[in-house]
Amino acid sequence: MNLLFLCKRRPQNRDLLTRPYGRFHYLPLHLAAMGMNVRVALLDYAPRWIPAPPLTRDRVTWHCGRPAGADGYRRLLRQLVAEQPPDWIIGFSDTWF
């Protein structure tokens, strides 16, 4: 099963690429361990953005996109869906609603 997670790169001010934690890291990790193909598309809105190539760690592939007027992240998502259509798209949020 192909899964695509959508999330900000720095929920609760923690960088998921350098300091993985919580459900943002462990849910994709456990699903990948169960044999699912898991990709995570991170929205990076930092003022000094440095492009990061896709990173595969523990069978989860992390992609990083920048808003660039909301078009950059959308472009990344379209590319990921075209390369390998997901069976499920899951959105993560650090807010209560």
Protein backbone atom coordinates (compact mmCIF):
# COMPACT_ATOMS: atom_id res chain seq x y z
CA MET A 1 0.00 0.00 0.00
CA ASN A 2 1.32 3.45 -0.94
CA LEU A 3 0.91 6.15 1.71
CA LEU A 4 1.64 9.87 1.42
CA PHE A 5 1.78 11.95 4.60
CA LEU A 6 1.52 15.76 4.50
CA CYS A 7 3.00 17.78 7.34
CA LYS A 8 4.95 20.94 8.17
CA ARG A 9 8.66 20.42 8.56
CA ARG A 10 8.78 22.11 11.97
CA PRO A 11 5.65 21.26 13.98
CA GLN A 12 5.94 22.57 17.53
CA ASN A 13 9.29 24.17 16.55
CA ARG A 14 11.09 20.83 16.07
CA ASP A 15 12.70 20.01 12.76
CA LEU A 16 11.46 16.56 11.70
CA LEU A 17 14.52 15.93 9.56
CA THR A 18 17.06 16.61 12.31
CA ARG A 19 15.04 15.87 15.48
CA PRO A 20 12.33 13.28 14.69
CA TYR A 21 9.75 12.84 17.42
CA GLY A 22 6.17 11.91 18.24
CA ARG A 23 3.39 10.83 15.93
CA PHE A 24 4.90 12.84 13.07
CA HIS A 25 7.81 10.40 13.01
CA TYR A 26 6.61 7.17 14.61
CA LEU A 27 3.36 6.57 12.72
CA PRO A 28 5.06 6.61 9.29
CA LEU A 29 7.95 4.60 10.74
CA HIS A 30 5.68 1.84 12.11
CA LEU A 31 3.63 1.66 8.91
CA ALA A 32 6.83 1.33 6.85
CA ALA A 33 7.99 -1.45 9.19
CA MET A 34 4.73 -3.25 8.38
CA GLY A 35 5.74 -3.29 4.70
CA MET A 36 3.92 -0.23 3.39
CA ASN A 37 5.53 2.24 1.00
CA VAL A 38 5.61 5.49 3.00
CA ARG A 39 6.54 8.97 1.80
CA VAL A 40 6.29 12.17 3.84
CA ALA A 41 5.99 15.57 2.14
CA LEU A 42 7.15 18.28 4.52
CA LEU A 43 6.17 21.92 4.05
CA ASP A 44 9.18 24.07 4.96
CA TYR A 45 8.37 27.74 5.58
CA ALA A 46 11.65 28.78 7.25
CA PRO A 47 12.93 32.23 6.21
CA ARG A 48 16.36 30.90 5.24
CA TRP A 49 15.36 27.78 3.37
CA ILE A 50 18.03 25.39 2.16
CA PRO A 51 16.82 22.86 -0.41
CA ALA A 52 17.07 19.31 0.87
CA PRO A 53 17.13 16.26 -1.40
CA PRO A 54 14.78 13.40 -0.56
CA LEU A 55 16.02 11.54 2.51
CA THR A 56 15.27 7.86 3.09
CA ARG A 57 15.59 6.75 6.69
CA ASP A 58 14.15 3.56 8.20
CA ARG A 59 12.25 2.79 4.94
CA VAL A 60 10.43 6.17 5.04
CA THR A 61 11.22 8.74 2.34
CA TRP A 62 11.08 12.37 3.48
CA HIS A 63 10.60 15.11 0.86
CA CYS A 64 10.88 18.79 1.64
CA GLY A 65 9.09 21.59 -0.23
CA ARG A 66 8.85 25.34 0.19
CA PRO A 67 5.63 27.30 -0.20
CA ALA A 68 6.98 29.83 -2.78
CA GLY A 69 3.56 31.45 -2.95
CA ALA A 70 1.93 28.11 -2.11
CA ASP A 71 2.96 26.83 -5.53
CA GLY A 72 6.22 25.11 -4.58
CA TYR A 73 4.63 22.69 -2.14
CA ARG A 74 1.75 22.04 -4.53
CA ARG A 75 4.26 21.30 -7.27
CA LEU A 76 6.06 18.84 -4.98
CA LEU A 77 2.79 17.08 -4.17
CA ARG A 78 1.81 16.81 -7.84
CA GLN A 79 5.22 15.34 -8.65
CA LEU A 80 4.99 12.76 -5.84
CA VAL A 81 1.45 11.73 -6.86
CA ALA A 82 2.45 11.44 -10.53
CA GLU A 83 5.53 9.33 -9.73
CA GLN A 84 3.64 6.89 -7.53
CA PRO A 85 -0.08 7.43 -6.92
CA PRO A 86 -0.86 7.00 -3.21
CA ASP A 87 -3.62 4.74 -1.98
CA TRP A 88 -4.08 7.06 1.00
CA ILE A 89 -3.10 10.66 1.71
CA ILE A 90 -2.82 11.47 5.42
CA GLY A 91 -2.48 14.98 6.83
CA PHE A 92 -0.68 15.70 10.10
CA SER A 93 -1.22 18.80 12.18
CA ASP A 94 0.05 20.10 15.49
CA THR A 95 -3.20 21.98 16.16
CA TRP A 96 -6.25 20.62 17.94
CA PHE A 97 -8.64 21.03 15.04
